[in-house]
Amino acid sequence: MDCLFCKIINREIPSDIIYEDEHVVVFKDISPQAPGHVLLLPKKHIGTLMDIKPEDAQIFGHIFKILPEVATMIGGDEGFRLVANCYESAGQSVFHIHFHLLAGRNFGWPPG
């Protein structure tokens, strides 16, 4: 498989990983949009949010379970933004589901 994020998970490409367990990996974004900006992604390759199957529910429950811990690690104690893009028209450039967790600054609305 020629997936950038799978290569990071498999340590074929270096990345600044700040959290990892059997289901999830979290690493710093290479083009941060906030002082704290990390990507949370399942280790299982799932291309888009539209590709989630019922059997994947546990993975995404786990992501939300660890979210407070990861948010605290990047300075999100006072607030953070969680973003998921689905398909190119929404800004998805790597087709492996991932969530952008941003913290450390004020965010406006609408986001853009």
PDB file of N, CA and C in Angstrom:
ATOM      1  N   MET A   1       0.853  -1.188   0.000  1.00  0.00           N
ATOM      2  CA  MET A   1       0.000   0.000   0.000  1.00  0.00           C
ATOM      3  C   MET A   1       0.890   1.239   0.000  1.00  0.00           C
ATOM      4  N   ASP A   2       0.521   2.225  -0.759  1.00  0.00           N
ATOM      5  CA  ASP A   2       1.318   3.436  -0.897  1.00  0.00           C
ATOM      6  C   ASP A   2       0.653   4.588  -0.131  1.00  0.00           C
ATOM      7  N   CYS A   3       0.447   4.394   1.156  1.00  0.00           N
ATOM      8  CA  CYS A   3      -0.215   5.395   1.992  1.00  0.00           C
ATOM      9  C   CYS A   3       0.826   6.049   2.895  1.00  0.00           C
ATOM     10  N   LEU A   4       0.928   7.367   2.815  1.00  0.00           N
ATOM     11  CA  LEU A   4       1.875   8.119   3.623  1.00  0.00           C
ATOM     12  C   LEU A   4       1.727   7.813   5.108  1.00  0.00           C
ATOM     13  N   PHE A   5       0.485   7.814   5.607  1.00  0.00           N
ATOM     14  CA  PHE A   5       0.280   7.597   7.038  1.00  0.00           C
ATOM     15  C   PHE A   5       0.569   6.158   7.445  1.00  0.00           C
ATOM     16  N   CYS A   6       0.288   5.197   6.581  1.00  0.00           N
ATOM     17  CA  CYS A   6       0.658   3.809   6.880  1.00  0.00           C
ATOM     18  C   CYS A   6       2.176   3.684   6.976  1.00  0.00           C
ATOM     19  N   LYS A   7       2.895   4.411   6.138  1.00  0.00           N
ATOM     20  CA  LYS A   7       4.353   4.382   6.185  1.00  0.00           C
ATOM     21  C   LYS A   7       4.867   4.995   7.491  1.00  0.00           C
ATOM     22  N   ILE A   8       4.200   6.035   7.985  1.00  0.00           N
ATOM     23  CA  ILE A   8       4.574   6.611   9.284  1.00  0.00           C
ATOM     24  C   ILE A   8       4.283   5.606  10.390  1.00  0.00           C
ATOM     25  N   ILE A   9       3.119   4.991  10.364  1.00  0.00           N
ATOM     26  CA  ILE A   9       2.752   3.984  11.370  1.00  0.00           C
ATOM     27  C   ILE A   9       3.771   2.849  11.385  1.00  0.00           C
ATOM     28  N   ASN A  10       4.211   2.424  10.206  1.00  0.00           N
ATOM     29  CA  ASN A  10       5.163   1.315  10.083  1.00  0.00           C
ATOM     30  C   ASN A  10       6.614   1.743  10.229  1.00  0.00           C
ATOM     31  N   ARG A  11       6.853   3.009  10.579  1.00  0.00           N
ATOM     32  CA  ARG A  11       8.188   3.570  10.793  1.00  0.00           C
ATOM     33  C   ARG A  11       9.055   3.562   9.545  1.00  0.00           C
ATOM     34  N   GLU A  12       8.416   3.600   8.378  1.00  0.00           N
ATOM     35  CA  GLU A  12       9.159   3.710   7.124  1.00  0.00           C
ATOM     36  C   GLU A  12       9.502   5.169   6.828  1.00  0.00           C
ATOM     37  N   ILE A  13       8.749   6.087   7.420  1.00  0.00           N
ATOM     38  CA  ILE A  13       8.967   7.523   7.298  1.00  0.00           C
ATOM     39  C   ILE A  13       9.016   8.079   8.717  1.00  0.00           C
ATOM     40  N   PRO A  14      10.028   8.882   9.048  1.00  0.00           N
ATOM     41  CA  PRO A  14      10.100   9.427  10.408  1.00  0.00           C
ATOM     42  C   PRO A  14       9.009  10.459  10.672  1.00  0.00           C
ATOM     43  N   SER A  15       8.597  10.521  11.912  1.00  0.00           N
ATOM     44  CA  SER A  15       7.604  11.497  12.336  1.00  0.00           C
ATOM     45  C   SER A  15       7.782  11.738  13.830  1.00  0.00           C
ATOM     46  N   ASP A  16       7.280  12.864  14.301  1.00  0.00           N
ATOM     47  CA  ASP A  16       7.373  13.209  15.724  1.00  0.00           C
ATOM     48  C   ASP A  16       6.131  12.664  16.431  1.00  0.00           C
ATOM     49  N   ILE A  17       6.178  11.401  16.799  1.00  0.00           N
ATOM     50  CA  ILE A  17       5.045  10.721  17.437  1.00  0.00           C
ATOM     51  C   ILE A  17       5.007  11.107  18.909  1.00  0.00           C
ATOM     52  N   ILE A  18       3.825  11.557  19.373  1.00  0.00           N
ATOM     53  CA  ILE A  18       3.690  11.951  20.776  1.00  0.00           C
ATOM     54  C   ILE A  18       2.843  10.967  21.579  1.00  0.00           C
ATOM     55  N   TYR A  19       2.109  10.089  20.895  1.00  0.00           N
ATOM     56  CA  TYR A  19       1.280   9.090  21.585  1.00  0.00           C
ATOM     57  C   TYR A  19       1.083   7.919  20.634  1.00  0.00           C
ATOM     58  N   GLU A  20       1.099   6.722  21.219  1.00  0.00           N
ATOM     59  CA  GLU A  20       0.825   5.542  20.420  1.00  0.00           C
ATOM     60  C   GLU A  20       0.347   4.426  21.326  1.00  0.00           C
ATOM     61  N   ASP A  21      -0.618   3.672  20.850  1.00  0.00           N
ATOM     62  CA  ASP A  21      -1.035   2.443  21.506  1.00  0.00           C
ATOM     63  C   ASP A  21      -1.385   1.440  20.415  1.00  0.00           C
ATOM     64  N   GLU A  22      -2.038   0.362  20.758  1.00  0.00           N
ATOM     65  CA  GLU A  22      -2.302  -0.689  19.779  1.00  0.00           C
ATOM     66  C   GLU A  22      -3.279  -0.280  18.678  1.00  0.00           C
ATOM     67  N   HIS A  23      -4.070   0.784  18.895  1.00  0.00           N
ATOM     68  CA  HIS A  23      -5.097   1.187  17.932  1.00  0.00           C
ATOM     69  C   HIS A  23      -4.830   2.512  17.225  1.00  0.00           C
ATOM     70  N   VAL A  24      -4.054   3.371  17.858  1.00  0.00           N
ATOM     71  CA  VAL A  24      -3.961   4.774  17.435  1.00  0.00           C
ATOM     72  C   VAL A  24      -2.511   5.240  17.434  1.00  0.00           C
ATOM     73  N   VAL A  25      -2.221   6.168  16.543  1.00  0.00           N
ATOM     74  CA  VAL A  25      -0.953   6.882  16.592  1.00  0.00           C
ATOM     75  C   VAL A  25      -1.260   8.378  16.474  1.00  0.00           C
ATOM     76  N   VAL A  26      -0.497   9.177  17.204  1.00  0.00           N
ATOM     77  CA  VAL A  26      -0.665  10.633  17.195  1.00  0.00           C
ATOM     78  C   VAL A  26       0.704  11.252  16.955  1.00  0.00           C
ATOM     79  N   PHE A  27       0.775  12.126  15.948  1.00  0.00           N
ATOM     80  CA  PHE A  27       2.056  12.775  15.664  1.00  0.00           C
ATOM     81  C   PHE A  27       1.835  14.236  15.304  1.00  0.00           C
ATOM     82  N   LYS A  28       2.905  15.022  15.445  1.00  0.00           N
ATOM     83  CA  LYS A  28       2.845  16.452  15.158  1.00  0.00           C
ATOM     84  C   LYS A  28       2.676  16.681  13.667  1.00  0.00           C
ATOM     85  N   ASP A  29       1.816  17.633  13.321  1.00  0.00           N
ATOM     86  CA  ASP A  29       1.605  18.010  11.927  1.00  0.00           C
ATOM     87  C   ASP A  29       2.859  18.702  11.404  1.00  0.00           C
ATOM     88  N   ILE A  30       3.248  18.385  10.168  1.00  0.00           N
ATOM     89  CA  ILE A  30       4.473  18.993   9.609  1.00  0.00           C
ATOM     90  C   ILE A  30       4.257  20.436   9.160  1.00  0.00           C
ATOM     91  N   SER A  31       2.988  20.861   9.088  1.00  0.00           N
ATOM     92  CA  SER A  31       2.669  22.235   8.733  1.00  0.00           C
ATOM     93  C   SER A  31       1.651  22.777   9.738  1.00  0.00           C
ATOM     94  N   PRO A  32       2.094  23.012  10.972  1.00  0.00           N
ATOM     95  CA  PRO A  32       1.142  23.350  12.044  1.00  0.00           C
ATOM     96  C   PRO A  32       0.386  24.654  11.802  1.00  0.00           C
ATOM     97  N   GLN A  33      -0.896  24.610  12.114  1.00  0.00           N
ATOM     98  CA  GLN A  33      -1.773  25.773  11.992  1.00  0.00           C
ATOM     99  C   GLN A  33      -2.108  26.375  13.347  1.00  0.00           C
ATOM    100  N   ALA A  34      -1.492  25.847  14.394  1.00  0.00           N
ATOM    101  CA  ALA A  34      -1.653  26.338  15.763  1.00  0.00           C
ATOM    102  C   ALA A  34      -0.421  25.888  16.543  1.00  0.00           C
ATOM    103  N   PRO A  35      -0.157  26.516  17.690  1.00  0.00           N
ATOM    104  CA  PRO A  35       1.000  26.083  18.493  1.00  0.00           C
ATOM    105  C   PRO A  35       0.973  24.591  18.829  1.00  0.00           C
ATOM    106  N   GLY A  36      -0.202  24.074  19.098  1.00  0.00           N
ATOM    107  CA  GLY A  36      -0.383  22.636  19.269  1.00  0.00           C
ATOM    108  C   GLY A  36      -1.188  22.115  18.093  1.00  0.00           C
ATOM    109  N   HIS A  37      -0.602  21.303  17.232  1.00  0.00           N
ATOM    110  CA  HIS A  37      -1.327  20.750  16.077  1.00  0.00           C
ATOM    111  C   HIS A  37      -0.799  19.346  15.828  1.00  0.00           C
ATOM    112  N   VAL A  38      -1.644  18.378  16.126  1.00  0.00           N
ATOM    113  CA  VAL A  38      -1.281  16.978  15.920  1.00  0.00           C
ATOM    114  C   VAL A  38      -2.345  16.287  15.079  1.00  0.00           C
ATOM    115  N   LEU A  39      -1.974  15.142  14.544  1.00  0.00           N
ATOM    116  CA  LEU A  39      -2.904  14.293  13.805  1.00  0.00           C
ATOM    117  C   LEU A  39      -3.134  13.027  14.611  1.00  0.00           C
ATOM    118  N   LEU A  40      -4.404  12.686  14.811  1.00  0.00           N
ATOM    119  CA  LEU A  40      -4.782  11.429  15.464  1.00  0.00           C
ATOM    120  C   LEU A  40      -5.323  10.516  14.379  1.00  0.00           C
ATOM    121  N   LEU A  41      -4.813   9.301  14.303  1.00  0.00           N
ATOM    122  CA  LEU A  41      -5.326   8.403  13.284  1.00  0.00           C
ATOM    123  C   LEU A  41      -5.309   6.966  13.756  1.00  0.00           C
ATOM    124  N   PRO A  42      -6.253   6.202  13.245  1.00  0.00           N
ATOM    125  CA  PRO A  42      -6.248   4.773  13.561  1.00  0.00           C
ATOM    126  C   PRO A  42      -5.104   4.094  12.826  1.00  0.00           C
ATOM    127  N   LYS A  43      -4.558   3.056  13.438  1.00  0.00           N
ATOM    128  CA  LYS A  43      -3.524   2.286  12.754  1.00  0.00           C
ATOM    129  C   LYS A  43      -4.117   1.495  11.598  1.00  0.00           C
ATOM    130  N   LYS A  44      -5.375   1.141  11.709  1.00  0.00           N
ATOM    131  CA  LYS A  44      -6.039   0.434  10.620  1.00  0.00           C
ATOM    132  C   LYS A  44      -6.249   1.404   9.467  1.00  0.00           C
ATOM    133  N   HIS A  45      -5.890   1.006   8.270  1.00  0.00           N
ATOM    134  CA  HIS A  45      -6.086   1.878   7.116  1.00  0.00           C
ATOM    135  C   HIS A  45      -7.568   1.900   6.733  1.00  0.00           C
ATOM    136  N   ILE A  46      -8.155   3.084   6.845  1.00  0.00           N
ATOM    137  CA  ILE A  46      -9.524   3.353   6.386  1.00  0.00           C
ATOM    138  C   ILE A  46      -9.411   4.653   5.617  1.00  0.00           C
ATOM    139  N   GLY A  47      -9.795   4.662   4.353  1.00  0.00           N
ATOM    140  CA  GLY A  47      -9.536   5.800   3.482  1.00  0.00           C
ATOM    141  C   GLY A  47     -10.225   7.093   3.878  1.00  0.00           C
ATOM    142  N   THR A  48     -11.528   7.056   4.081  1.00  0.00           N
ATOM    143  CA  THR A  48     -12.287   8.273   4.386  1.00  0.00           C
ATOM    144  C   THR A  48     -13.325   7.981   5.456  1.00  0.00           C
ATOM    145  N   LEU A  49     -13.919   9.024   5.971  1.00  0.00           N
ATOM    146  CA  LEU A  49     -15.009   8.850   6.940  1.00  0.00           C
ATOM    147  C   LEU A  49     -16.172   8.070   6.337  1.00  0.00           C
ATOM    148  N   MET A  50     -16.328   8.149   5.036  1.00  0.00           N
ATOM    149  CA  MET A  50     -17.402   7.429   4.354  1.00  0.00           C
ATOM    150  C   MET A  50     -17.127   5.931   4.266  1.00  0.00           C
ATOM    151  N   ASP A  51     -15.912   5.507   4.565  1.00  0.00           N
ATOM    152  CA  ASP A  51     -15.535   4.102   4.481  1.00  0.00           C
ATOM    153  C   ASP A  51     -15.618   3.367   5.816  1.00  0.00           C
ATOM    154  N   ILE A  52     -16.040   4.049   6.874  1.00  0.00           N
ATOM    155  CA  ILE A  52     -16.145   3.410   8.185  1.00  0.00           C
ATOM    156  C   ILE A  52     -17.228   2.342   8.144  1.00  0.00           C
ATOM    157  N   LYS A  53     -16.906   1.183   8.691  1.00  0.00           N
ATOM    158  CA  LYS A  53     -17.834   0.054   8.785  1.00  0.00           C
ATOM    159  C   LYS A  53     -18.266  -0.118  10.242  1.00  0.00           C
ATOM    160  N   PRO A  54     -19.389  -0.785  10.478  1.00  0.00           N
ATOM    161  CA  PRO A  54     -19.833  -1.000  11.872  1.00  0.00           C
ATOM    162  C   PRO A  54     -18.747  -1.619  12.759  1.00  0.00           C
ATOM    163  N   GLU A  55     -17.956  -2.516  12.199  1.00  0.00           N
ATOM    164  CA  GLU A  55     -16.909  -3.160  13.000  1.00  0.00           C
ATOM    165  C   GLU A  55     -15.772  -2.211  13.376  1.00  0.00           C
ATOM    166  N   ASP A  56     -15.752  -0.997  12.812  1.00  0.00           N
ATOM    167  CA  ASP A  56     -14.732   0.001  13.141  1.00  0.00           C
ATOM    168  C   ASP A  56     -15.132   0.892  14.314  1.00  0.00           C
ATOM    169  N   ALA A  57     -16.326   0.732  14.824  1.00  0.00           N
ATOM    170  CA  ALA A  57     -16.839   1.623  15.879  1.00  0.00           C
ATOM    171  C   ALA A  57     -15.918   1.661  17.097  1.00  0.00           C
ATOM    172  N   GLN A  58     -15.372   0.530  17.477  1.00  0.00           N
ATOM    173  CA  GLN A  58     -14.504   0.482  18.658  1.00  0.00           C
ATOM    174  C   GLN A  58     -13.263   1.350  18.473  1.00  0.00           C
ATOM    175  N   ILE A  59     -12.719   1.366  17.276  1.00  0.00           N
ATOM    176  CA  ILE A  59     -11.524   2.179  16.998  1.00  0.00           C
ATOM    177  C   ILE A  59     -11.825   3.660  17.246  1.00  0.00           C
ATOM    178  N   PHE A  60     -12.970   4.123  16.749  1.00  0.00           N
ATOM    179  CA  PHE A  60     -13.282   5.546  16.873  1.00  0.00           C
ATOM    180  C   PHE A  60     -13.722   5.903  18.285  1.00  0.00           C
ATOM    181  N   GLY A  61     -14.329   4.965  18.973  1.00  0.00           N
ATOM    182  CA  GLY A  61     -14.607   5.169  20.394  1.00  0.00           C
ATOM    183  C   GLY A  61     -13.308   5.338  21.167  1.00  0.00           C
ATOM    184  N   HIS A  62     -12.307   4.553  20.809  1.00  0.00           N
ATOM    185  CA  HIS A  62     -11.008   4.633  21.466  1.00  0.00           C
ATOM    186  C   HIS A  62     -10.341   5.984  21.192  1.00  0.00           C
ATOM    187  N   ILE A  63     -10.441   6.461  19.971  1.00  0.00           N
ATOM    188  CA  ILE A  63      -9.859   7.771  19.647  1.00  0.00           C
ATOM    189  C   ILE A  63     -10.464   8.849  20.548  1.00  0.00           C
ATOM    190  N   PHE A  64     -11.778   8.822  20.718  1.00  0.00           N
ATOM    191  CA  PHE A  64     -12.413   9.829  21.567  1.00  0.00           C
ATOM    192  C   PHE A  64     -12.118   9.595  23.047  1.00  0.00           C
ATOM    193  N   LYS A  65     -11.815   8.376  23.423  1.00  0.00           N
ATOM    194  CA  LYS A  65     -11.442   8.084  24.807  1.00  0.00           C
ATOM    195  C   LYS A  65     -10.091   8.711  25.147  1.00  0.00           C
ATOM    196  N   ILE A  66      -9.132   8.665  24.217  1.00  0.00           N
ATOM    197  CA  ILE A  66      -7.798   9.218  24.490  1.00  0.00           C
ATOM    198  C   ILE A  66      -7.702  10.715  24.188  1.00  0.00           C
ATOM    199  N   LEU A  67      -8.707  11.256  23.534  1.00  0.00           N
ATOM    200  CA  LEU A  67      -8.686  12.662  23.118  1.00  0.00           C
ATOM    201  C   LEU A  67      -8.363  13.632  24.255  1.00  0.00           C
ATOM    202  N   PRO A  68      -8.990  13.534  25.433  1.00  0.00           N
ATOM    203  CA  PRO A  68      -8.644  14.488  26.496  1.00  0.00           C
ATOM    204  C   PRO A  68      -7.170  14.435  26.905  1.00  0.00           C
ATOM    205  N   GLU A  69      -6.606  13.245  26.976  1.00  0.00           N
ATOM    206  CA  GLU A  69      -5.201  13.104  27.347  1.00  0.00           C
ATOM    207  C   GLU A  69      -4.301  13.758  26.300  1.00  0.00           C
ATOM    208  N   VAL A  70      -4.578  13.504  25.033  1.00  0.00           N
ATOM    209  CA  VAL A  70      -3.765  14.075  23.966  1.00  0.00           C
ATOM    210  C   VAL A  70      -3.943  15.589  23.918  1.00  0.00           C
ATOM    211  N   ALA A  71      -5.166  16.068  24.067  1.00  0.00           N
ATOM    212  CA  ALA A  71      -5.409  17.517  24.063  1.00  0.00           C
ATOM    213  C   ALA A  71      -4.615  18.204  25.170  1.00  0.00           C
ATOM    214  N   THR A  72      -4.586  17.606  26.345  1.00  0.00           N
ATOM    215  CA  THR A  72      -3.816  18.166  27.455  1.00  0.00           C
ATOM    216  C   THR A  72      -2.330  18.194  27.116  1.00  0.00           C
ATOM    217  N   MET A  73      -1.845  17.167  26.434  1.00  0.00           N
ATOM    218  CA  MET A  73      -0.426  17.091  26.071  1.00  0.00           C
ATOM    219  C   MET A  73      -0.005  18.236  25.158  1.00  0.00           C
ATOM    220  N   ILE A  74      -0.924  18.757  24.343  1.00  0.00           N
ATOM    221  CA  ILE A  74      -0.545  19.811  23.382  1.00  0.00           C
ATOM    222  C   ILE A  74      -1.039  21.193  23.793  1.00  0.00           C
ATOM    223  N   GLY A  75      -1.496  21.333  25.046  1.00  0.00           N
ATOM    224  CA  GLY A  75      -1.909  22.644  25.534  1.00  0.00           C
ATOM    225  C   GLY A  75      -3.370  22.956  25.323  1.00  0.00           C
ATOM    226  N   GLY A  76      -4.199  21.945  25.178  1.00  0.00           N
ATOM    227  CA  GLY A  76      -5.625  22.150  24.931  1.00  0.00           C
ATOM    228  C   GLY A  76      -6.491  22.185  26.167  1.00  0.00           C
ATOM    229  N   ASP A  77      -5.896  22.418  27.329  1.00  0.00           N
ATOM    230  CA  ASP A  77      -6.665  22.445  28.578  1.00  0.00           C
ATOM    231  C   ASP A  77      -7.765  23.511  28.564  1.00  0.00           C
ATOM    232  N   GLU A  78      -7.506  24.624  27.875  1.00  0.00           N
ATOM    233  CA  GLU A  78      -8.463  25.727  27.844  1.00  0.00           C
ATOM    234  C   GLU A  78      -9.343  25.701  26.604  1.00  0.00           C
ATOM    235  N   GLY A  79      -9.112  24.746  25.728  1.00  0.00           N
ATOM    236  CA  GLY A  79      -9.918  24.638  24.521  1.00  0.00           C
ATOM    237  C   GLY A  79      -9.097  24.112  23.358  1.00  0.00           C
ATOM    238  N   PHE A  80      -9.792  23.482  22.435  1.00  0.00           N
ATOM    239  CA  PHE A  80      -9.129  22.944  21.250  1.00  0.00           C
ATOM    240  C   PHE A  80     -10.158  22.789  20.146  1.00  0.00           C
ATOM    241  N   ARG A  81      -9.664  22.542  18.951  1.00  0.00           N
ATOM    242  CA  ARG A  81     -10.525  22.275  17.801  1.00  0.00           C
ATOM    243  C   ARG A  81     -10.135  20.908  17.236  1.00  0.00           C
ATOM    244  N   LEU A  82     -11.155  20.130  16.875  1.00  0.00           N
ATOM    245  CA  LEU A  82     -10.954  18.827  16.248  1.00  0.00           C
ATOM    246  C   LEU A  82     -11.587  18.889  14.868  1.00  0.00           C
ATOM    247  N   VAL A  83     -10.795  18.567  13.833  1.00  0.00           N
ATOM    248  CA  VAL A  83     -11.254  18.688  12.449  1.00  0.00           C
ATOM    249  C   VAL A  83     -10.984  17.382  11.713  1.00  0.00           C
ATOM    250  N   ALA A  84     -11.972  16.959  10.913  1.00  0.00           N
ATOM    251  CA  ALA A  84     -11.786  15.822  10.013  1.00  0.00           C
ATOM    252  C   ALA A  84     -12.291  16.235   8.641  1.00  0.00           C
ATOM    253  N   ASN A  85     -11.453  16.098   7.649  1.00  0.00           N
ATOM    254  CA  ASN A  85     -11.832  16.414   6.272  1.00  0.00           C
ATOM    255  C   ASN A  85     -12.165  15.117   5.546  1.00  0.00           C
ATOM    256  N   CYS A  86     -13.187  15.157   4.702  1.00  0.00           N
ATOM    257  CA  CYS A  86     -13.587  13.965   3.966  1.00  0.00           C
ATOM    258  C   CYS A  86     -13.694  14.300   2.485  1.00  0.00           C
ATOM    259  N   TYR A  87     -12.826  13.722   1.707  1.00  0.00           N
ATOM    260  CA  TYR A  87     -12.699  13.896   0.266  1.00  0.00           C
ATOM    261  C   TYR A  87     -11.935  15.179  -0.064  1.00  0.00           C
ATOM    262  N   GLU A  88     -11.416  15.236  -1.268  1.00  0.00           N
ATOM    263  CA  GLU A  88     -10.590  16.362  -1.709  1.00  0.00           C
ATOM    264  C   GLU A  88     -11.324  17.693  -1.622  1.00  0.00           C
ATOM    265  N   SER A  89     -12.608  17.715  -1.965  1.00  0.00           N
ATOM    266  CA  SER A  89     -13.348  18.977  -1.961  1.00  0.00           C
ATOM    267  C   SER A  89     -13.441  19.584  -0.559  1.00  0.00           C
ATOM    268  N   ALA A  90     -13.240  18.770   0.467  1.00  0.00           N
ATOM    269  CA  ALA A  90     -13.257  19.264   1.850  1.00  0.00           C
ATOM    270  C   ALA A  90     -11.853  19.447   2.410  1.00  0.00           C
ATOM    271  N   GLY A  91     -10.830  19.186   1.595  1.00  0.00           N
ATOM    272  CA  GLY A  91      -9.461  19.407   2.027  1.00  0.00           C
ATOM    273  C   GLY A  91      -8.695  18.155   2.419  1.00  0.00           C
ATOM    274  N   GLN A  92      -9.265  16.963   2.221  1.00  0.00           N
ATOM    275  CA  GLN A  92      -8.521  15.744   2.550  1.00  0.00           C
ATOM    276  C   GLN A  92      -7.455  15.508   1.492  1.00  0.00           C
ATOM    277  N   SER A  93      -6.195  15.437   1.928  1.00  0.00           N
ATOM    278  CA  SER A  93      -5.099  15.227   0.982  1.00  0.00           C
ATOM    279  C   SER A  93      -4.428  13.870   1.167  1.00  0.00           C
ATOM    280  N   VAL A  94      -4.580  13.260   2.337  1.00  0.00           N
ATOM    281  CA  VAL A  94      -4.078  11.906   2.574  1.00  0.00           C
ATOM    282  C   VAL A  94      -5.291  11.034   2.854  1.00  0.00           C
ATOM    283  N   PHE A  95      -5.454   9.997   2.078  1.00  0.00           N
ATOM    284  CA  PHE A  95      -6.653   9.170   2.180  1.00  0.00           C
ATOM    285  C   PHE A  95      -6.443   8.009   3.147  1.00  0.00           C
ATOM    286  N   HIS A  96      -6.270   8.399   4.397  1.00  0.00           N
ATOM    287  CA  HIS A  96      -6.231   7.546   5.580  1.00  0.00           C
ATOM    288  C   HIS A  96      -6.892   8.424   6.631  1.00  0.00           C
ATOM    289  N   ILE A  97      -8.025   7.993   7.155  1.00  0.00           N
ATOM    290  CA  ILE A  97      -8.763   8.838   8.103  1.00  0.00           C
ATOM    291  C   ILE A  97      -7.818   9.407   9.154  1.00  0.00           C
ATOM    292  N   HIS A  98      -7.959  10.707   9.399  1.00  0.00           N
ATOM    293  CA  HIS A  98      -7.192  11.356  10.451  1.00  0.00           C
ATOM    294  C   HIS A  98      -7.953  12.574  10.947  1.00  0.00           C
ATOM    295  N   PHE A  99      -7.691  12.900  12.191  1.00  0.00           N
ATOM    296  CA  PHE A  99      -8.281  14.065  12.830  1.00  0.00           C
ATOM    297  C   PHE A  99      -7.176  15.050  13.153  1.00  0.00           C
ATOM    298  N   HIS A 100      -7.398  16.312  12.805  1.00  0.00           N
ATOM    299  CA  HIS A 100      -6.482  17.380  13.198  1.00  0.00           C
ATOM    300  C   HIS A 100      -6.944  17.869  14.565  1.00  0.00           C
ATOM    301  N   LEU A 101      -6.062  17.853  15.527  1.00  0.00           N
ATOM    302  CA  LEU A 101      -6.333  18.398  16.853  1.00  0.00           C
ATOM    303  C   LEU A 101      -5.460  19.637  16.995  1.00  0.00           C
ATOM    304  N   LEU A 102      -6.117  20.777  17.142  1.00  0.00           N
ATOM    305  CA  LEU A 102      -5.414  22.060  17.196  1.00  0.00           C
ATOM    306  C   LEU A 102      -5.689  22.728  18.537  1.00  0.00           C
ATOM    307  N   ALA A 103      -4.651  23.324  19.119  1.00  0.00           N
ATOM    308  CA  ALA A 103      -4.786  23.982  20.416  1.00  0.00           C
ATOM    309  C   ALA A 103      -3.733  25.073  20.544  1.00  0.00           C
ATOM    310  N   GLY A 104      -3.912  25.915  21.560  1.00  0.00           N
ATOM    311  CA  GLY A 104      -2.887  26.908  21.874  1.00  0.00           C
ATOM    312  C   GLY A 104      -3.130  28.279  21.288  1.00  0.00           C
ATOM    313  N   ARG A 105      -4.275  28.483  20.658  1.00  0.00           N
ATOM    314  CA  ARG A 105      -4.627  29.821  20.166  1.00  0.00           C
ATOM    315  C   ARG A 105      -6.144  29.903  20.078  1.00  0.00           C
ATOM    316  N   ASN A 106      -6.653  31.115  19.865  1.00  0.00           N
ATOM    317  CA  ASN A 106      -8.089  31.297  19.671  1.00  0.00           C
ATOM    318  C   ASN A 106      -8.452  30.971  18.229  1.00  0.00           C
ATOM    319  N   PHE A 107      -9.619  30.387  18.036  1.00  0.00           N
ATOM    320  CA  PHE A 107     -10.099  30.019  16.721  1.00  0.00           C
ATOM    321  C   PHE A 107     -11.369  30.788  16.411  1.00  0.00           C
ATOM    322  N   GLY A 108     -11.513  31.210  15.163  1.00  0.00           N
ATOM    323  CA  GLY A 108     -12.705  31.932  14.742  1.00  0.00           C
ATOM    324  C   GLY A 108     -13.747  30.975  14.167  1.00  0.00           C
ATOM    325  N   TRP A 109     -14.925  31.533  13.906  1.00  0.00           N
ATOM    326  CA  TRP A 109     -16.000  30.783  13.282  1.00  0.00           C
ATOM    327  C   TRP A 109     -16.709  31.680  12.290  1.00  0.00           C
ATOM    328  N   PRO A 110     -17.029  31.279  11.100  1.00  0.00           N
ATOM    329  CA  PRO A 110     -16.822  29.932  10.571  1.00  0.00           C
ATOM    330  C   PRO A 110     -15.357  29.681  10.277  1.00  0.00           C
ATOM    331  N   PRO A 111     -14.959  28.389  10.204  1.00  0.00           N
ATOM    332  CA  PRO A 111     -13.555  28.054  10.068  1.00  0.00           C
ATOM    333  C   PRO A 111     -12.964  28.310   8.687  1.00  0.00           C
ATOM    334  N   GLY A 112     -13.767  28.462   7.650  1.00  0.00           N
ATOM    335  CA  GLY A 112     -13.163  28.764   6.367  1.00  0.00           C
ATOM    336  C   GLY A 112     -13.641  27.982   5.295  1.00  0.00           C
TER     337      GLY A 112
END
